[in-house]
Amino acid sequence: MPSKIKGHGRTGRPWRRKAAEVRASFSPCWLCGDPIDYTLPPNHVWSFTVHHKVPLAVAPWLAHDRSNLVAAHRRCNSLQGDRLGRPPTPTSRTW
């Protein structure tokens, strides 16, 4: 297992290439399923980010594994944090 480094592998040319691959897919948000506006500036809450399905805190060696990288909204990605899996899908009404 590689040692942890600052940024968990989210820096450098290999990371930028993988992030560009995910962006080029123009996929909807993996967490909420809504479309992502890929024209928004990077710091906007609904902008595109790369999400790790298996968090780096759990498996840092999967940092650049394309099968572990998916598109997500910045807000959804931040709310998910380092928890495994998708968050529960909200229902259409309050029970």
Protein backbone atom coordinates (compact mmCIF):
# COMPACT_ATOMS: atom_id res chain seq x y z
CA MET A 1 0.00 0.00 0.00
CA PRO A 2 1.47 3.38 -0.99
CA SER A 3 2.09 5.92 1.72
CA LYS A 4 -0.26 8.85 2.12
CA ILE A 5 0.92 12.06 0.55
CA LYS A 6 -0.42 15.57 0.78
CA GLY A 7 -3.48 15.87 -1.48
CA HIS A 8 -4.05 12.10 -1.53
CA GLY A 9 -3.04 11.91 -5.18
CA ARG A 10 -5.34 14.71 -6.29
CA THR A 11 -2.48 16.71 -7.75
CA GLY A 12 -0.17 16.36 -10.71
CA ARG A 13 -0.55 15.33 -14.30
CA PRO A 14 -1.98 11.81 -13.70
CA TRP A 15 -4.78 13.25 -11.56
CA ARG A 16 -5.57 16.00 -14.08
CA ARG A 17 -5.82 13.38 -16.86
CA LYS A 18 -8.24 11.22 -14.87
CA ALA A 19 -10.33 14.25 -13.88
CA ALA A 20 -10.47 15.30 -17.55
CA GLU A 21 -11.71 11.80 -18.49
CA VAL A 22 -14.50 12.01 -15.92
CA ARG A 23 -15.43 15.55 -17.05
CA ALA A 24 -15.51 14.47 -20.73
CA SER A 25 -18.20 11.91 -19.91
CA PHE A 26 -20.68 14.72 -19.10
CA SER A 27 -22.35 12.32 -16.68
CA PRO A 28 -25.03 13.36 -14.19
CA CYS A 29 -24.16 13.56 -10.51
CA TRP A 30 -23.42 10.05 -9.25
CA LEU A 31 -24.75 10.96 -5.81
CA CYS A 32 -28.06 12.71 -6.54
CA GLY A 33 -28.65 11.79 -10.20
CA ASP A 34 -29.34 15.37 -11.31
CA PRO A 35 -27.55 16.86 -14.33
CA ILE A 36 -24.36 18.83 -13.75
CA ASP A 37 -23.82 22.23 -15.38
CA TYR A 38 -20.26 21.78 -16.64
CA THR A 39 -19.99 25.49 -17.49
CA LEU A 40 -20.15 26.68 -13.86
CA PRO A 41 -16.96 28.00 -12.24
CA PRO A 42 -15.11 25.43 -10.08
CA ASN A 43 -16.02 27.09 -6.77
CA HIS A 44 -19.80 27.10 -7.44
CA VAL A 45 -21.77 24.70 -5.21
CA TRP A 46 -23.41 22.96 -8.20
CA SER A 47 -20.22 22.73 -10.29
CA PHE A 48 -18.48 19.52 -11.38
CA THR A 49 -16.12 17.66 -9.07
CA VAL A 50 -14.61 14.20 -9.17
CA HIS A 51 -16.02 11.89 -6.50
CA HIS A 52 -14.28 8.75 -5.24
CA LYS A 53 -16.84 5.94 -4.79
CA VAL A 54 -14.51 4.30 -2.28
CA PRO A 55 -13.19 7.23 -0.22
CA LEU A 56 -9.48 7.98 -0.15
CA ALA A 57 -9.57 7.71 3.63
CA VAL A 58 -10.49 4.04 3.20
CA ALA A 59 -8.43 3.17 0.09
CA PRO A 60 -5.83 5.81 -0.88
CA TRP A 61 -4.35 3.41 -3.47
CA LEU A 62 -7.55 3.88 -5.55
CA ALA A 63 -6.90 7.62 -5.96
CA HIS A 64 -6.31 7.32 -9.73
CA ASP A 65 -8.34 4.18 -10.45
CA ARG A 66 -10.80 5.23 -13.18
CA SER A 67 -13.42 2.72 -11.99
CA ASN A 68 -13.47 4.52 -8.64
CA LEU A 69 -13.91 8.03 -10.11
CA VAL A 70 -17.31 9.51 -10.98
CA ALA A 71 -18.82 12.95 -11.59
CA ALA A 72 -20.60 14.75 -8.77
CA HIS A 73 -21.83 18.20 -7.78
CA ARG A 74 -19.44 20.00 -5.43
CA ARG A 75 -22.22 20.22 -2.82
CA CYS A 76 -23.17 16.53 -3.06
CA ASN A 77 -19.53 15.50 -2.88
CA SER A 78 -18.92 17.66 0.20
CA LEU A 79 -22.02 16.35 1.96
CA GLN A 80 -21.01 12.75 1.27
CA GLY A 81 -17.59 13.26 2.87
CA ASP A 82 -15.62 10.07 3.36
CA ARG A 83 -18.61 7.74 3.85
CA LEU A 84 -19.00 4.68 1.65
CA GLY A 85 -21.81 4.31 -0.88
CA ARG A 86 -24.49 6.66 -2.05
CA PRO A 87 -26.46 8.75 0.44
CA PRO A 88 -30.10 7.74 0.91
CA THR A 89 -32.36 9.04 -1.85
CA PRO A 90 -34.93 11.47 -0.45
CA THR A 91 -38.55 10.50 -0.89
CA SER A 92 -41.09 12.68 -2.64
CA ARG A 93 -43.05 13.32 0.53
CA THR A 94 -42.57 13.57 4.29
CA TRP A 95 -43.61 10.45 6.17
